[in-house]
Amino acid sequence: MKTMQWLLLLPVFFMLSCRSGLRLFNKSQYDKAVRAFAKQLRRSPRNEKAHLMLPIAYDSARAVHLGQVRNYRKSNDPMRYEKIRAELMKLQEDYAIIRRFRAASAVVTPKDYSKAISSLVEKAAALHYHLGDSLLRTGIKSDARKAWGEFNQALTNIEDYRDAGALRDSAVIKGHMTIAISVGASPDCCEDAASYFANGIRSSIESDVRKSRFVSFVTADKPSDSQMKIDFSLKLEDFHRSQFQEDRSADVEEIDGTDTSYVTVAAKVYYNSLKVTGRGTLLYTLTRPEGELQRAFDYLPVWERYYQLTFEGDERALTEADEAMRTDDTLDPPDPQTFYENIVWGSLINDACIDLLGRYGKDNFGYGY
């Protein structure tokens, strides 16, 4: 019975499969259409639509991919051989699926691009190798960092290609920079804050230095290729005290002799708050043989604390957190050092490190730097 049901469904299945191929073809998804029609012929070797459409879909796929190949051959893109190879790989997949099914092979004779693909791997490796070699010979640090990328791409195409590995290591040495960091602060900042920031940014950068193959950061008293001067200013602009209120309510138990009842009690609580806002700027200047680079970060830090709760109404409505805030202690504004250490320094160091390591990081070849 089950066999009979499948036999009845087969024509419907074949029809839907062919329609799927036509939909893909009409969407210009020619490679997928080739696969759909080839599989259709495998299931139904006499299907007229698949007989008609498979050659058309294959020719359309070839026209698209070979058109792209011609465009890449005319370009000066250093990745052109990889891109040509990617196009031919898609045609090779079409070749494989057609050759896999006898009925499809009887309709179309696909072209084998395997030799062309193999030759492109060699051409790509050679191109990147020669580009890297030319860059490395200039003696310019930024070119050496670019050369590292070219040698690495050559090795991606062919492992152990010629002496690309040794030249890639040489590019790291020739492209390496040592940057000395010094930190200064405006009169609005205390000296301790400047020292705190200097130590913080150095330790943060040094902890991430493994991410950068081309740069090391040292203190200002050490020999270096470049000097980085970091200046920052900080002003505490506004001290604002305010009060806000919240309503509280709770169901509490009341006992009168032998009678127990529950009543709802309410209170209005008042919180005092102190809000401090600041304004600051961090500017770093990197002096290099290639020229000077400047970057600036503006920041508006905010410090806010709540203290001294008072209330009106029934004390039983207060929460445990409310009780903890019931104190006569006042709250003074933070001094600049405390404000800086608790609020500002973390975000500033993070911004500076992200920017620096973005320029000299593991996957950044330092173009122009």
Protein backbone atom coordinates (compact mmCIF):
# COMPACT_ATOMS: atom_id res chain seq x y z
CA MET A 1 0.00 0.00 0.00
CA LYS A 2 2.81 2.41 0.92
CA THR A 3 4.64 1.59 -2.34
CA MET A 4 1.51 2.45 -4.33
CA GLN A 5 1.22 5.80 -2.49
CA TRP A 6 4.80 6.71 -3.39
CA LEU A 7 4.22 5.80 -7.04
CA LEU A 8 1.20 8.09 -7.14
CA LEU A 9 3.21 10.95 -5.62
CA LEU A 10 6.25 10.64 -7.91
CA PRO A 11 4.82 12.67 -10.84
CA VAL A 12 3.92 15.48 -8.44
CA PHE A 13 7.42 15.38 -6.93
CA PHE A 14 9.07 15.53 -10.37
CA MET A 15 6.87 18.44 -11.41
CA LEU A 16 7.69 20.42 -8.25
CA SER A 17 11.40 19.72 -8.67
CA CYS A 18 11.36 21.06 -12.20
CA ARG A 19 9.42 24.11 -11.11
CA SER A 20 12.07 24.72 -8.46
CA GLY A 21 14.75 24.71 -11.16
CA LEU A 22 12.76 27.18 -13.25
CA ARG A 23 12.29 29.50 -10.27
CA LEU A 24 16.04 29.47 -9.62
CA PHE A 25 16.76 30.11 -13.29
CA ASN A 26 14.33 33.03 -13.41
CA LYS A 27 16.08 34.51 -10.36
CA SER A 28 19.41 34.27 -12.26
CA GLN A 29 20.65 31.67 -9.76
CA TYR A 30 22.08 29.61 -12.60
CA ASP A 31 24.42 27.36 -10.59
CA LYS A 32 21.59 26.28 -8.32
CA ALA A 33 19.35 25.79 -11.36
CA VAL A 34 22.00 23.48 -12.91
CA ARG A 35 21.96 21.35 -9.77
CA ALA A 36 18.17 21.25 -9.69
CA PHE A 37 17.81 20.20 -13.35
CA ALA A 38 20.64 17.63 -13.08
CA LYS A 39 18.97 16.02 -10.08
CA GLN A 40 15.64 16.11 -11.90
CA LEU A 41 17.15 14.13 -14.79
CA ARG A 42 18.59 11.64 -12.36
CA ARG A 43 15.11 10.95 -11.02
CA SER A 44 13.32 11.27 -14.36
CA PRO A 45 15.76 10.82 -17.32
CA ARG A 46 13.05 11.57 -19.91
CA ASN A 47 11.80 14.81 -18.37
CA GLU A 48 11.47 17.18 -21.33
CA LYS A 49 11.71 20.43 -19.37
CA ALA A 50 14.90 19.33 -17.62
CA HIS A 51 16.33 18.20 -21.00
CA LEU A 52 15.62 21.64 -22.39
CA MET A 53 16.65 23.77 -19.41
CA LEU A 54 19.84 22.09 -18.18
CA PRO A 55 21.97 23.18 -21.19
CA ILE A 56 20.50 26.69 -21.02
CA ALA A 57 21.18 26.98 -17.28
CA TYR A 58 24.75 25.69 -17.69
CA ASP A 59 25.52 28.07 -20.57
CA SER A 60 24.08 30.95 -18.54
CA ALA A 61 26.24 30.05 -15.54
CA ARG A 62 29.34 29.89 -17.74
CA ALA A 63 28.53 33.26 -19.31
CA VAL A 64 28.25 34.93 -15.91
CA HIS A 65 31.37 33.40 -14.36
CA LEU A 66 33.59 33.73 -17.42
CA GLY A 67 32.47 37.34 -17.78
CA GLN A 68 33.70 37.97 -14.25
CA VAL A 69 36.93 36.16 -15.06
CA ARG A 70 37.57 38.48 -18.03
CA ASN A 71 36.98 41.53 -15.85
CA TYR A 72 39.39 40.32 -13.17
CA ARG A 73 42.08 39.52 -15.74
CA LYS A 74 41.98 43.16 -16.91
CA SER A 75 42.28 44.56 -13.37
CA ASN A 76 45.33 45.32 -11.24
CA ASP A 77 43.69 43.89 -8.15
CA PRO A 78 46.38 41.97 -6.21
CA MET A 79 43.67 39.46 -5.29
CA ARG A 80 42.58 38.95 -8.90
CA TYR A 81 43.85 35.38 -9.18
CA GLU A 82 42.01 34.36 -6.02
CA LYS A 83 38.84 35.93 -7.40
CA ILE A 84 39.24 34.22 -10.79
CA ARG A 85 39.79 30.94 -8.98
CA ALA A 86 36.58 31.44 -7.00
CA GLU A 87 34.60 31.92 -10.22
CA LEU A 88 36.09 28.81 -11.84
CA MET A 89 35.49 26.80 -8.67
CA LYS A 90 31.77 27.44 -9.07
CA LEU A 91 31.90 26.18 -12.65
CA GLN A 92 33.87 23.16 -11.46
CA GLU A 93 31.07 22.39 -9.01
CA ASP A 94 28.62 22.50 -11.93
CA TYR A 95 30.94 20.14 -13.82
CA ALA A 96 30.99 17.71 -10.92
CA ILE A 97 27.21 17.57 -10.46
CA ILE A 98 26.57 17.04 -14.19
CA ARG A 99 29.23 14.34 -14.50
CA ARG A 100 27.82 12.64 -11.43
CA PHE A 101 24.53 11.80 -13.15
CA ARG A 102 24.58 9.84 -16.43
CA ALA A 103 21.31 11.33 -17.69
CA ALA A 104 22.61 14.87 -17.14
CA SER A 105 25.93 14.07 -18.86
CA ALA A 106 23.99 12.83 -21.89
CA VAL A 107 22.42 16.27 -22.25
CA VAL A 108 25.41 18.53 -21.48
CA THR A 109 29.16 18.08 -21.86
CA PRO A 110 30.58 20.33 -19.12
CA LYS A 111 34.10 21.72 -19.17
CA ASP A 112 36.69 20.58 -16.63
CA TYR A 113 38.45 23.59 -15.06
CA SER A 114 40.60 21.67 -12.56
CA LYS A 115 43.92 22.35 -14.34
CA ALA A 116 43.13 26.04 -14.72
CA ILE A 117 42.26 26.24 -11.02
CA SER A 118 45.55 24.58 -10.02
CA SER A 119 47.58 26.97 -12.17
CA LEU A 120 45.83 29.97 -10.59
CA VAL A 121 46.98 28.94 -7.12
CA GLU A 122 50.60 29.12 -8.31
CA LYS A 123 50.02 32.44 -10.07
CA ALA A 124 48.37 33.96 -6.99
CA ALA A 125 51.20 32.87 -4.70
CA ALA A 126 53.81 34.22 -7.13
CA LEU A 127 52.04 37.58 -7.47
CA HIS A 128 51.79 38.15 -3.72
CA TYR A 129 55.36 36.99 -3.21
CA HIS A 130 56.74 39.50 -5.74
CA LEU A 131 54.57 42.32 -4.39
CA GLY A 132 55.83 41.59 -0.88
CA ASP A 133 59.42 41.42 -2.05
CA SER A 134 59.13 44.81 -3.80
CA LEU A 135 57.60 46.43 -0.72
CA LEU A 136 60.19 44.96 1.61
CA ARG A 137 63.04 46.35 -0.47
CA THR A 138 61.94 49.99 -0.05
CA GLY A 139 63.19 50.09 3.54
CA ILE A 140 60.07 51.98 4.68
CA LYS A 141 58.43 50.63 7.82
CA SER A 142 54.87 51.06 6.55
CA ASP A 143 55.82 49.20 3.35
CA ALA A 144 57.32 46.39 5.42
CA ARG A 145 53.99 46.02 7.23
CA LYS A 146 52.21 45.82 3.86
CA ALA A 147 54.80 43.27 2.72
CA TRP A 148 53.89 41.07 5.68
CA GLY A 149 50.34 40.89 4.34
CA GLU A 150 51.50 39.95 0.84
CA PHE A 151 53.82 37.18 2.05
CA ASN A 152 51.08 35.90 4.31
CA GLN A 153 48.67 35.74 1.36
CA ALA A 154 51.26 33.86 -0.70
CA LEU A 155 51.52 31.28 2.08
CA THR A 156 47.74 31.08 2.28
CA ASN A 157 47.71 29.98 -1.35
CA ILE A 158 50.65 27.58 -1.11
CA GLU A 159 52.04 26.50 2.24
CA ASP A 160 55.84 26.87 2.44
CA TYR A 161 55.92 28.80 -0.85
CA ARG A 162 59.59 29.48 -1.62
CA ASP A 163 61.08 31.53 1.24
CA ALA A 164 57.89 33.52 1.90
CA GLY A 165 57.83 32.39 5.53
CA ALA A 166 61.31 33.76 6.23
CA LEU A 167 60.55 37.00 4.39
CA ARG A 168 57.31 37.40 6.34
CA ASP A 169 59.29 37.14 9.58
CA SER A 170 61.76 39.68 8.21
CA ALA A 171 58.87 42.04 7.43
CA VAL A 172 57.81 41.96 11.09
CA ILE A 173 61.31 43.01 12.17
CA LYS A 174 61.66 45.72 9.53
CA GLY A 175 58.14 47.03 10.09
CA HIS A 176 58.29 47.03 13.87
CA MET A 177 57.88 50.33 15.73
CA THR A 178 58.72 51.27 19.29
CA ILE A 179 56.53 54.05 20.64
CA ALA A 180 57.47 55.95 23.79
CA ILE A 181 54.50 57.27 25.77
CA SER A 182 54.59 60.38 27.92
CA VAL A 183 51.57 61.84 29.70
CA GLY A 184 50.80 65.39 30.72
CA ALA A 185 47.82 67.04 32.37
CA SER A 186 46.36 70.52 32.35
CA PRO A 187 46.42 72.62 35.56
CA ASP A 188 42.83 71.54 36.17
CA CYS A 189 44.05 68.02 36.88
CA CYS A 190 46.18 67.06 39.80
CA GLU A 191 49.58 65.48 39.12
CA ASP A 192 48.52 62.23 40.76
CA ALA A 193 45.76 61.87 38.17
CA ALA A 194 48.28 62.27 35.35
CA SER A 195 50.52 59.61 36.85
CA TYR A 196 47.54 57.35 37.43
CA PHE A 197 46.49 57.67 33.82
CA ALA A 198 50.03 57.11 32.49
CA ASN A 199 50.42 53.89 34.43
CA GLY A 200 46.94 52.75 33.50
CA ILE A 201 47.31 53.22 29.77
CA ARG A 202 50.75 51.61 29.71
CA SER A 203 49.64 48.54 31.61
CA SER A 204 46.50 48.21 29.47
CA ILE A 205 48.41 48.50 26.22
CA GLU A 206 51.17 46.18 27.38
CA SER A 207 48.63 43.54 28.38
CA ASP A 208 47.31 43.65 24.81
CA VAL A 209 50.66 44.04 23.08
CA ARG A 210 50.45 40.39 22.00
CA LYS A 211 47.68 41.54 19.66
CA SER A 212 50.15 43.68 17.76
CA ARG A 213 53.03 42.21 15.82
CA PHE A 214 54.34 45.58 14.67
CA VAL A 215 54.51 47.83 17.73
CA SER A 216 55.85 47.95 21.28
CA PHE A 217 55.02 50.67 23.80
CA VAL A 218 57.67 51.88 26.25
CA THR A 219 58.13 54.67 28.77
CA ALA A 220 59.37 58.05 27.62
CA ASP A 221 62.91 57.46 28.93
CA LYS A 222 63.48 54.44 26.65
CA PRO A 223 64.87 54.55 23.07
CA SER A 224 62.09 54.57 20.50
CA ASP A 225 61.21 55.07 16.84
CA SER A 226 58.33 57.42 17.61
CA GLN A 227 57.13 59.59 20.47
CA MET A 228 53.57 59.72 21.70
CA LYS A 229 52.50 62.63 23.87
CA ILE A 230 49.20 62.24 25.66
CA ASP A 231 47.59 65.33 27.18
CA PHE A 232 44.35 65.39 29.05
CA SER A 233 42.33 67.96 30.93
CA LEU A 234 39.51 67.56 33.41
CA LYS A 235 37.15 70.10 34.93
CA LEU A 236 34.47 69.50 37.52
CA GLU A 237 31.79 71.78 36.13
CA ASP A 238 28.66 71.35 38.21
CA PHE A 239 27.69 70.10 41.67
CA HIS A 240 23.97 69.60 41.89
CA ARG A 241 22.09 68.45 44.97
CA SER A 242 18.50 67.35 44.55
CA GLN A 243 15.79 65.35 46.22
CA PHE A 244 13.27 62.92 44.83
CA GLN A 245 10.42 61.07 46.44
CA GLU A 246 8.77 57.68 46.19
CA ASP A 247 5.63 56.21 47.71
CA ARG A 248 5.79 53.07 49.82
CA SER A 249 3.05 50.75 51.02
CA ALA A 250 2.99 47.42 52.84
CA ASP A 251 0.49 45.00 54.37
CA VAL A 252 1.30 44.50 58.05
CA GLU A 253 -0.16 42.34 60.76
CA GLU A 254 -1.93 43.97 63.73
CA ILE A 255 -2.87 42.03 66.87
CA ASP A 256 -5.57 43.31 69.24
CA GLY A 257 -5.90 40.87 72.12
CA THR A 258 -6.93 37.62 70.51
CA ASP A 259 -7.87 39.24 67.20
CA THR A 260 -5.42 39.41 64.28
CA SER A 261 -5.97 41.59 61.25
CA TYR A 262 -3.97 42.92 58.30
CA VAL A 263 -3.84 46.58 57.41
CA THR A 264 -2.15 48.52 54.64
CA VAL A 265 0.28 51.19 55.79
CA ALA A 266 1.85 53.89 53.64
CA ALA A 267 4.77 56.28 53.70
CA LYS A 268 6.41 58.83 51.45
CA VAL A 269 10.21 58.59 51.30
CA TYR A 270 12.63 61.33 50.25
CA TYR A 271 16.10 60.62 48.86
CA ASN A 272 18.82 63.25 48.69
CA SER A 273 21.18 62.98 45.73
CA LEU A 274 24.43 64.61 44.69
CA LYS A 275 25.29 64.75 41.00
CA VAL A 276 28.66 65.93 39.71
CA THR A 277 29.31 66.50 36.02
CA GLY A 278 32.63 67.15 34.36
CA ARG A 279 34.14 67.94 31.01
CA GLY A 280 37.42 66.74 29.64
CA THR A 281 39.55 66.13 26.57
CA LEU A 282 42.22 63.59 25.81
CA LEU A 283 44.58 64.40 22.97
CA TYR A 284 47.37 62.17 21.82
CA THR A 285 50.01 63.23 19.35
CA LEU A 286 52.14 60.60 17.66
CA THR A 287 55.33 61.94 16.13
CA ARG A 288 56.77 59.60 13.50
CA PRO A 289 59.27 59.80 10.65
CA GLU A 290 56.30 59.79 8.26
CA GLY A 291 54.71 62.80 9.96
CA GLU A 292 52.52 63.70 12.91
CA LEU A 293 49.26 62.01 13.78
CA GLN A 294 46.75 63.51 16.22
CA ARG A 295 43.63 62.03 17.76
CA ALA A 296 41.27 63.61 20.29
CA PHE A 297 38.60 62.20 22.59
CA ASP A 298 36.04 64.38 24.39
CA TYR A 299 34.21 63.07 27.39
CA LEU A 300 31.48 64.26 29.78
CA PRO A 301 31.81 62.16 32.94
CA VAL A 302 29.00 62.02 35.49
CA TRP A 303 29.19 60.99 39.15
CA GLU A 304 25.93 60.55 41.08
CA ARG A 305 25.17 59.18 44.54
CA TYR A 306 22.04 58.92 46.73
CA TYR A 307 22.12 59.48 50.48
CA GLN A 308 20.12 60.57 53.56
CA LEU A 309 16.64 59.15 53.32
CA THR A 310 13.83 60.86 55.24
CA PHE A 311 10.17 59.91 55.29
CA GLU A 312 6.64 60.92 56.20
CA GLY A 313 3.98 58.42 57.24
CA ASP A 314 4.13 54.97 58.77
CA GLU A 315 7.65 53.69 59.38
CA ARG A 316 6.49 50.11 58.86
CA ALA A 317 6.08 50.78 55.13
CA LEU A 318 9.84 51.27 54.66
CA THR A 319 11.91 48.57 52.95
CA GLU A 320 15.23 47.19 54.20
CA ALA A 321 17.02 49.31 51.60
CA ASP A 322 15.21 52.38 52.90
CA GLU A 323 16.31 51.60 56.44
CA ALA A 324 19.93 51.34 55.31
CA MET A 325 19.72 54.86 53.87
CA ARG A 326 18.43 56.39 57.11
CA THR A 327 21.54 58.18 58.29
CA ASP A 328 22.51 61.63 59.41
CA ASP A 329 25.76 61.49 57.42
CA THR A 330 26.10 64.03 54.65
CA LEU A 331 27.84 63.46 51.33
CA ASP A 332 30.61 65.69 50.06
CA PRO A 333 31.49 66.07 46.37
CA PRO A 334 34.45 63.95 45.24
CA ASP A 335 37.81 65.63 44.89
CA PRO A 336 39.26 65.73 41.35
CA GLN A 337 41.51 62.74 42.03
CA THR A 338 38.67 60.53 43.25
CA PHE A 339 36.39 61.72 40.49
CA TYR A 340 39.04 60.94 37.91
CA GLU A 341 40.01 57.52 39.24
CA ASN A 342 36.46 56.27 39.76
CA ILE A 343 34.73 57.72 36.73
CA VAL A 344 37.05 58.87 33.98
CA TRP A 345 40.19 56.84 33.67
CA GLY A 346 38.66 53.49 32.66
CA SER A 347 36.72 54.80 29.68
CA LEU A 348 39.59 57.00 28.53
CA ILE A 349 42.15 54.22 28.63
CA ASN A 350 39.73 51.95 26.82
CA ASP A 351 39.14 54.50 24.04
CA ALA A 352 42.85 55.18 23.61
CA CYS A 353 43.79 51.49 23.58
CA ILE A 354 41.11 50.59 21.07
CA ASP A 355 42.31 53.35 18.76
CA LEU A 356 46.00 52.50 19.10
CA LEU A 357 45.60 48.76 18.77
CA GLY A 358 43.20 49.30 15.89
CA ARG A 359 46.05 50.97 14.03
CA TYR A 360 48.76 48.53 15.01
CA GLY A 361 46.78 45.42 15.87
CA LYS A 362 47.25 41.82 14.85
CA ASP A 363 45.22 42.03 11.65
CA ASN A 364 46.10 45.62 10.77
CA PHE A 365 49.10 45.95 8.50
CA GLY A 366 49.60 49.57 9.50
CA TYR A 367 48.88 51.09 6.10
CA GLY A 368 50.04 54.69 6.23
CA TYR A 369 51.21 54.53 9.85
